């Protein structure tokens, strides 16, 4: 494992958990690629920032049980984790929000360039999440 990449991703999730978007976004390249779970691809730090603004308006989430694996050179990584969340306000096209709590296993794949996140691809089971907030 590459310790610099492990530290980068540890810092990435710590900033996310603190809701410190300045520190979080500082860990991304300007041309970061963001592959959104079961959705499209966005490119650039500005697009990622807007995505996070929308997410933070609708959800309060904490990432726990983080397990980071890297290749030897540290330019690729996979992270497995659990999302502990609360659905704060209704997101377009999804069930109505009434403060439902959820516990969702998830994962992410990263490309690292020059000590920053150049690509992140997130995966979780949307049907599981919908079942948790609907029932």
N, C-alpha and C. Protein backbone atom coordinates (compact mmCIF):
# COMPACT_ATOMS: atom_id res chain seq x y z
N UNK A 1 0.84 -1.19 0.00
CA UNK A 1 0.00 0.00 0.00
C UNK A 1 0.88 1.25 0.00
N UNK A 2 0.35 2.28 -0.59
CA UNK A 2 1.05 3.55 -0.67
C UNK A 2 0.53 4.47 0.44
N UNK A 3 1.40 4.83 1.37
CA UNK A 3 0.98 5.59 2.56
C UNK A 3 0.54 7.01 2.23
N UNK A 4 1.15 7.64 1.20
CA UNK A 4 0.72 9.00 0.84
C UNK A 4 -0.73 8.99 0.35
N UNK A 5 -1.07 8.00 -0.45
CA UNK A 5 -2.45 7.91 -0.95
C UNK A 5 -3.41 7.56 0.18
N UNK A 6 -3.00 6.67 1.07
CA UNK A 6 -3.85 6.35 2.23
C UNK A 6 -4.11 7.62 3.04
N UNK A 7 -3.08 8.43 3.27
CA UNK A 7 -3.26 9.67 4.03
C UNK A 7 -4.15 10.66 3.29
N UNK A 8 -3.96 10.79 1.98
CA UNK A 8 -4.80 11.68 1.17
C UNK A 8 -6.27 11.31 1.32
N UNK A 9 -6.58 10.02 1.19
CA UNK A 9 -7.98 9.59 1.25
C UNK A 9 -8.52 9.63 2.68
N UNK A 10 -7.66 9.42 3.66
CA UNK A 10 -8.06 9.61 5.06
C UNK A 10 -8.45 11.07 5.28
N UNK A 11 -7.64 11.99 4.75
CA UNK A 11 -7.94 13.42 4.86
C UNK A 11 -9.22 13.78 4.10
N UNK A 12 -9.42 13.16 2.94
CA UNK A 12 -10.61 13.39 2.10
C UNK A 12 -11.88 13.07 2.89
N UNK A 13 -11.92 11.88 3.51
CA UNK A 13 -13.12 11.49 4.25
C UNK A 13 -13.25 12.25 5.56
N UNK A 14 -12.13 12.62 6.18
CA UNK A 14 -12.20 13.43 7.41
C UNK A 14 -12.80 14.80 7.11
N UNK A 15 -12.37 15.42 6.01
CA UNK A 15 -12.92 16.73 5.62
C UNK A 15 -14.41 16.59 5.30
N UNK A 16 -14.79 15.52 4.59
CA UNK A 16 -16.20 15.26 4.29
C UNK A 16 -17.00 15.17 5.59
N UNK A 17 -16.50 14.38 6.53
CA UNK A 17 -17.22 14.17 7.79
C UNK A 17 -17.34 15.46 8.60
N UNK A 18 -16.36 16.35 8.51
CA UNK A 18 -16.42 17.63 9.22
C UNK A 18 -17.28 18.65 8.48
N UNK A 19 -17.71 18.30 7.25
CA UNK A 19 -18.42 19.23 6.37
C UNK A 19 -17.55 20.45 6.06
N UNK A 20 -16.25 20.24 5.98
CA UNK A 20 -15.28 21.29 5.65
C UNK A 20 -15.05 21.25 4.15
N UNK A 21 -15.95 21.90 3.41
CA UNK A 21 -15.90 21.81 1.96
C UNK A 21 -14.67 22.49 1.36
N UNK A 22 -14.13 23.50 2.02
CA UNK A 22 -12.90 24.12 1.51
C UNK A 22 -11.75 23.12 1.55
N UNK A 23 -11.58 22.44 2.68
CA UNK A 23 -10.51 21.43 2.81
C UNK A 23 -10.77 20.26 1.87
N UNK A 24 -12.02 19.85 1.77
CA UNK A 24 -12.41 18.73 0.91
C UNK A 24 -12.07 19.03 -0.55
N UNK A 25 -12.51 20.18 -1.03
CA UNK A 25 -12.29 20.54 -2.44
C UNK A 25 -10.81 20.80 -2.74
N UNK A 26 -10.04 21.22 -1.74
CA UNK A 26 -8.61 21.46 -1.93
C UNK A 26 -7.85 20.17 -2.25
N UNK A 27 -8.45 19.03 -1.95
CA UNK A 27 -7.81 17.73 -2.21
C UNK A 27 -8.05 17.23 -3.63
N UNK A 28 -8.82 17.99 -4.42
CA UNK A 28 -9.18 17.59 -5.78
C UNK A 28 -8.36 18.36 -6.81
N UNK A 29 -8.07 17.70 -7.94
CA UNK A 29 -7.47 18.42 -9.07
C UNK A 29 -8.53 19.35 -9.66
N UNK A 30 -8.10 20.38 -10.37
CA UNK A 30 -9.06 21.29 -10.99
C UNK A 30 -9.94 20.59 -12.02
N UNK A 31 -9.39 19.55 -12.67
CA UNK A 31 -10.12 18.81 -13.70
C UNK A 31 -10.64 17.46 -13.20
N UNK A 32 -10.93 17.38 -11.91
CA UNK A 32 -11.38 16.13 -11.30
C UNK A 32 -12.58 15.55 -12.07
N UNK A 33 -12.57 14.24 -12.23
CA UNK A 33 -13.68 13.51 -12.83
C UNK A 33 -14.49 12.89 -11.71
N UNK A 34 -15.79 13.12 -11.72
CA UNK A 34 -16.69 12.58 -10.69
C UNK A 34 -17.75 11.74 -11.37
N UNK A 35 -17.65 10.43 -11.19
CA UNK A 35 -18.66 9.51 -11.70
C UNK A 35 -19.67 9.28 -10.58
N UNK A 36 -20.88 9.75 -10.80
CA UNK A 36 -21.93 9.72 -9.79
C UNK A 36 -22.65 8.37 -9.84
N UNK A 37 -22.91 7.80 -8.69
CA UNK A 37 -23.57 6.50 -8.60
C UNK A 37 -24.83 6.47 -9.47
N UNK A 38 -24.91 5.47 -10.36
CA UNK A 38 -26.06 5.24 -11.21
C UNK A 38 -26.52 6.50 -11.93
N UNK A 39 -25.55 7.33 -12.32
CA UNK A 39 -25.89 8.58 -12.98
C UNK A 39 -24.78 8.92 -13.96
N UNK A 40 -24.53 10.19 -14.15
CA UNK A 40 -23.59 10.63 -15.16
C UNK A 40 -22.21 10.92 -14.62
N UNK A 41 -21.44 11.58 -15.46
CA UNK A 41 -20.07 11.99 -15.15
C UNK A 41 -20.01 13.51 -15.19
N UNK A 42 -19.40 14.07 -14.18
CA UNK A 42 -19.15 15.51 -14.15
C UNK A 42 -17.64 15.73 -14.11
N UNK A 43 -17.19 16.82 -14.72
CA UNK A 43 -15.77 17.12 -14.77
C UNK A 43 -15.52 18.52 -14.22
N UNK A 44 -14.54 18.62 -13.34
CA UNK A 44 -14.11 19.91 -12.81
C UNK A 44 -14.50 20.11 -11.36
N UNK A 45 -13.66 20.87 -10.68
CA UNK A 45 -13.86 21.15 -9.26
C UNK A 45 -15.14 21.94 -9.02
N UNK A 46 -15.47 22.86 -9.94
CA UNK A 46 -16.69 23.67 -9.79
C UNK A 46 -17.94 22.77 -9.83
N UNK A 47 -17.99 21.83 -10.77
CA UNK A 47 -19.12 20.91 -10.85
C UNK A 47 -19.22 20.05 -9.60
N UNK A 48 -18.07 19.60 -9.09
CA UNK A 48 -18.05 18.79 -7.87
C UNK A 48 -18.56 19.62 -6.69
N UNK A 49 -18.14 20.87 -6.62
CA UNK A 49 -18.58 21.76 -5.55
C UNK A 49 -20.10 21.95 -5.59
N UNK A 50 -20.65 22.16 -6.77
CA UNK A 50 -22.10 22.32 -6.90
C UNK A 50 -22.84 21.03 -6.52
N UNK A 51 -22.28 19.88 -6.89
CA UNK A 51 -22.86 18.60 -6.51
C UNK A 51 -22.89 18.49 -4.98
N UNK A 52 -21.78 18.83 -4.33
CA UNK A 52 -21.72 18.73 -2.87
C UNK A 52 -22.68 19.71 -2.20
N UNK A 53 -22.85 20.90 -2.76
CA UNK A 53 -23.82 21.85 -2.21
C UNK A 53 -25.22 21.24 -2.23
N UNK A 54 -25.59 20.61 -3.35
CA UNK A 54 -26.91 19.97 -3.45
C UNK A 54 -27.03 18.82 -2.45
N UNK A 55 -26.00 17.99 -2.40
CA UNK A 55 -26.04 16.85 -1.47
C UNK A 55 -26.17 17.33 -0.02
N UNK A 56 -25.39 18.32 0.35
CA UNK A 56 -25.42 18.81 1.74
C UNK A 56 -26.74 19.47 2.09
N UNK A 57 -27.47 19.96 1.09
CA UNK A 57 -28.79 20.54 1.34
C UNK A 57 -29.84 19.46 1.63
N UNK A 58 -29.63 18.27 1.08
CA UNK A 58 -30.63 17.20 1.20
C UNK A 58 -30.27 16.10 2.20
N UNK A 59 -28.98 15.95 2.49
CA UNK A 59 -28.52 14.82 3.28
C UNK A 59 -27.49 15.27 4.30
N UNK A 60 -27.49 14.64 5.46
CA UNK A 60 -26.41 14.78 6.43
C UNK A 60 -25.79 13.38 6.54
N UNK A 61 -24.53 13.27 6.17
CA UNK A 61 -23.90 11.95 6.12
C UNK A 61 -22.56 11.94 6.84
N UNK A 62 -22.26 10.77 7.40
CA UNK A 62 -20.95 10.51 7.99
C UNK A 62 -20.44 9.20 7.39
N UNK A 63 -19.17 9.19 7.00
CA UNK A 63 -18.55 8.00 6.43
C UNK A 63 -17.77 7.30 7.55
N UNK A 64 -18.09 6.02 7.79
CA UNK A 64 -17.46 5.25 8.86
C UNK A 64 -16.99 3.90 8.32
N UNK A 65 -16.29 3.15 9.14
CA UNK A 65 -15.79 1.82 8.77
C UNK A 65 -15.01 1.87 7.46
N UNK A 66 -14.10 2.82 7.36
CA UNK A 66 -13.35 3.06 6.13
C UNK A 66 -12.20 2.08 5.99
N UNK A 67 -12.12 1.44 4.83
CA UNK A 67 -11.02 0.53 4.51
C UNK A 67 -10.45 0.96 3.16
N UNK A 68 -9.16 1.36 3.17
CA UNK A 68 -8.50 1.90 1.98
C UNK A 68 -7.47 0.90 1.46
N UNK A 69 -7.52 0.63 0.17
CA UNK A 69 -6.54 -0.22 -0.50
C UNK A 69 -5.98 0.57 -1.68
N UNK A 70 -4.65 0.51 -1.85
CA UNK A 70 -4.02 1.21 -2.98
C UNK A 70 -3.15 0.24 -3.77
N UNK A 71 -2.82 0.65 -4.98
CA UNK A 71 -1.78 -0.09 -5.70
C UNK A 71 -0.42 0.40 -5.18
N UNK A 72 0.65 -0.22 -5.63
CA UNK A 72 1.98 0.11 -5.09
C UNK A 72 2.39 1.55 -5.38
N UNK A 73 2.08 2.05 -6.55
CA UNK A 73 2.51 3.40 -6.91
C UNK A 73 1.62 4.47 -6.31
N UNK A 74 0.44 4.10 -5.83
CA UNK A 74 -0.44 5.05 -5.19
C UNK A 74 -1.30 5.87 -6.13
N UNK A 75 -1.29 5.54 -7.42
CA UNK A 75 -2.11 6.33 -8.35
C UNK A 75 -3.52 5.78 -8.50
N UNK A 76 -3.80 4.65 -7.86
CA UNK A 76 -5.16 4.07 -7.88
C UNK A 76 -5.48 3.58 -6.47
N UNK A 77 -6.75 3.69 -6.10
CA UNK A 77 -7.18 3.24 -4.79
C UNK A 77 -8.64 2.81 -4.83
N UNK A 78 -8.99 1.93 -3.92
CA UNK A 78 -10.37 1.51 -3.70
C UNK A 78 -10.67 1.69 -2.21
N UNK A 79 -11.86 2.17 -1.92
CA UNK A 79 -12.26 2.42 -0.53
C UNK A 79 -13.63 1.80 -0.31
N UNK A 80 -13.72 1.01 0.76
CA UNK A 80 -15.00 0.45 1.19
C UNK A 80 -15.38 1.14 2.49
N UNK A 81 -16.68 1.47 2.65
CA UNK A 81 -17.10 2.21 3.83
C UNK A 81 -18.61 2.04 4.04
N UNK A 82 -19.07 2.61 5.13
CA UNK A 82 -20.50 2.66 5.45
C UNK A 82 -20.91 4.12 5.55
N UNK A 83 -22.05 4.43 4.96
CA UNK A 83 -22.61 5.78 5.03
C UNK A 83 -23.71 5.75 6.09
N UNK A 84 -23.53 6.54 7.14
CA UNK A 84 -24.58 6.77 8.13
C UNK A 84 -25.19 8.11 7.79
N UNK A 85 -26.48 8.11 7.47
CA UNK A 85 -27.05 9.35 6.98
C UNK A 85 -28.43 9.66 7.51
N UNK A 86 -28.82 10.91 7.23
CA UNK A 86 -30.17 11.39 7.53
C UNK A 86 -30.64 12.15 6.30
N UNK A 87 -31.83 11.82 5.85
CA UNK A 87 -32.44 12.43 4.67
C UNK A 87 -33.19 13.68 5.12
N UNK A 88 -32.63 14.85 4.85
CA UNK A 88 -33.11 16.10 5.42
C UNK A 88 -34.25 16.77 4.65
N UNK A 89 -34.12 16.80 3.32
CA UNK A 89 -35.14 17.44 2.49
C UNK A 89 -35.25 16.67 1.18
N UNK A 90 -36.44 16.66 0.63
CA UNK A 90 -36.72 15.82 -0.54
C UNK A 90 -35.85 16.21 -1.72
N UNK A 91 -35.17 15.20 -2.27
CA UNK A 91 -34.33 15.36 -3.46
C UNK A 91 -35.19 14.97 -4.66
N UNK A 92 -35.07 15.74 -5.73
CA UNK A 92 -35.90 15.56 -6.92
C UNK A 92 -35.88 14.11 -7.43
N UNK A 93 -37.08 13.56 -7.63
CA UNK A 93 -37.21 12.22 -8.18
C UNK A 93 -37.07 11.10 -7.16
N UNK A 94 -36.92 11.46 -5.89
CA UNK A 94 -36.72 10.46 -4.84
C UNK A 94 -37.86 10.55 -3.82
N UNK A 95 -37.97 9.56 -2.92
CA UNK A 95 -39.05 9.60 -1.93
C UNK A 95 -39.02 10.88 -1.09
N UNK A 96 -40.15 11.18 -0.47
CA UNK A 96 -40.25 12.36 0.38
C UNK A 96 -39.35 12.22 1.61
N UNK A 97 -38.68 13.29 1.95
CA UNK A 97 -37.80 13.30 3.13
C UNK A 97 -38.58 13.74 4.36
N UNK A 98 -38.43 12.96 5.42
CA UNK A 98 -39.01 13.32 6.71
C UNK A 98 -38.00 13.02 7.82
N UNK A 99 -36.71 13.21 7.51
CA UNK A 99 -35.67 12.98 8.51
C UNK A 99 -35.29 11.52 8.69
N UNK A 100 -35.56 10.68 7.68
CA UNK A 100 -35.24 9.26 7.80
C UNK A 100 -33.73 9.04 7.95
N UNK A 101 -33.37 8.07 8.78
CA UNK A 101 -31.97 7.66 8.96
C UNK A 101 -31.71 6.47 8.05
N UNK A 102 -30.46 6.35 7.60
CA UNK A 102 -30.07 5.21 6.77
C UNK A 102 -28.64 4.80 7.09
N UNK A 103 -28.38 3.53 6.79
CA UNK A 103 -27.08 2.90 7.03
C UNK A 103 -26.78 2.11 5.77
N UNK A 104 -25.84 2.60 4.96
CA UNK A 104 -25.68 2.10 3.61
C UNK A 104 -24.24 1.69 3.32
N UNK A 105 -23.99 0.42 2.99
CA UNK A 105 -22.65 0.04 2.56
C UNK A 105 -22.35 0.67 1.20
N UNK A 106 -21.11 1.10 1.00
CA UNK A 106 -20.76 1.78 -0.24
C UNK A 106 -19.27 1.58 -0.53
N UNK A 107 -18.88 2.04 -1.72
CA UNK A 107 -17.48 1.97 -2.10
C UNK A 107 -17.15 3.07 -3.09
N UNK A 108 -15.86 3.30 -3.26
CA UNK A 108 -15.41 4.32 -4.21
C UNK A 108 -14.08 3.89 -4.80
N UNK A 109 -13.87 4.29 -6.03
CA UNK A 109 -12.60 4.06 -6.73
C UNK A 109 -12.00 5.41 -7.06
N UNK A 110 -10.69 5.51 -6.89
CA UNK A 110 -9.99 6.78 -7.06
C UNK A 110 -8.82 6.64 -8.02
N UNK A 111 -8.56 7.71 -8.75
CA UNK A 111 -7.30 7.92 -9.46
C UNK A 111 -6.64 9.12 -8.80
N UNK A 112 -5.36 8.99 -8.50
CA UNK A 112 -4.60 10.03 -7.81
C UNK A 112 -3.54 10.56 -8.78
N UNK A 113 -3.43 11.89 -8.82
CA UNK A 113 -2.41 12.52 -9.65
C UNK A 113 -1.78 13.68 -8.87
N UNK A 114 -0.47 13.68 -8.77
CA UNK A 114 0.26 14.76 -8.10
C UNK A 114 -0.28 15.03 -6.69
N UNK A 115 -0.60 13.96 -5.96
CA UNK A 115 -1.03 14.09 -4.58
C UNK A 115 -2.44 14.59 -4.38
N UNK A 116 -3.25 14.58 -5.45
CA UNK A 116 -4.64 15.01 -5.35
C UNK A 116 -5.55 13.98 -6.01
N UNK A 117 -6.83 14.05 -5.67
CA UNK A 117 -7.83 13.18 -6.27
C UNK A 117 -8.15 13.71 -7.67
N UNK A 118 -7.89 12.87 -8.70
CA UNK A 118 -8.16 13.25 -10.08
C UNK A 118 -9.44 12.59 -10.61
N UNK A 119 -9.89 11.52 -9.94
CA UNK A 119 -11.15 10.86 -10.33
C UNK A 119 -11.68 10.14 -9.11
N UNK A 120 -12.99 10.24 -8.92
CA UNK A 120 -13.67 9.46 -7.90
C UNK A 120 -14.95 8.90 -8.51
N UNK A 121 -15.14 7.60 -8.32
CA UNK A 121 -16.33 6.91 -8.79
C UNK A 121 -16.97 6.25 -7.57
N UNK A 122 -18.19 6.66 -7.22
CA UNK A 122 -18.88 6.14 -6.04
C UNK A 122 -19.92 5.10 -6.44
N UNK A 123 -20.04 4.07 -5.59
CA UNK A 123 -21.04 3.02 -5.80
C UNK A 123 -21.76 2.70 -4.50
N UNK A 124 -23.08 2.61 -4.60
CA UNK A 124 -23.91 2.10 -3.51
C UNK A 124 -25.18 1.57 -4.14
N UNK A 125 -25.94 0.82 -3.36
CA UNK A 125 -27.16 0.21 -3.86
C UNK A 125 -28.32 1.19 -3.66
N UNK A 126 -28.71 1.89 -4.72
CA UNK A 126 -29.78 2.89 -4.64
C UNK A 126 -31.10 2.26 -4.20
N UNK A 127 -31.39 1.04 -4.66
CA UNK A 127 -32.63 0.38 -4.25
C UNK A 127 -32.65 0.13 -2.75
N UNK A 128 -31.50 -0.23 -2.16
CA UNK A 128 -31.40 -0.41 -0.71
C UNK A 128 -31.69 0.91 0.00
N UNK A 129 -31.08 2.00 -0.50
CA UNK A 129 -31.31 3.30 0.12
C UNK A 129 -32.79 3.68 0.05
N UNK A 130 -33.40 3.51 -1.11
CA UNK A 130 -34.82 3.84 -1.28
C UNK A 130 -35.68 3.01 -0.31
N UNK A 131 -35.37 1.73 -0.17
CA UNK A 131 -36.11 0.88 0.76
C UNK A 131 -35.96 1.40 2.20
N UNK A 132 -34.77 1.83 2.56
CA UNK A 132 -34.54 2.32 3.93
C UNK A 132 -35.29 3.60 4.21
N UNK A 133 -35.38 4.51 3.25
CA UNK A 133 -36.04 5.79 3.51
C UNK A 133 -37.54 5.74 3.21
N UNK A 134 -38.00 4.66 2.58
CA UNK A 134 -39.42 4.55 2.25
C UNK A 134 -40.21 3.77 3.28
N UNK A 135 -39.53 2.99 4.08
CA UNK A 135 -40.26 2.06 4.89
C UNK A 135 -40.37 2.31 6.31
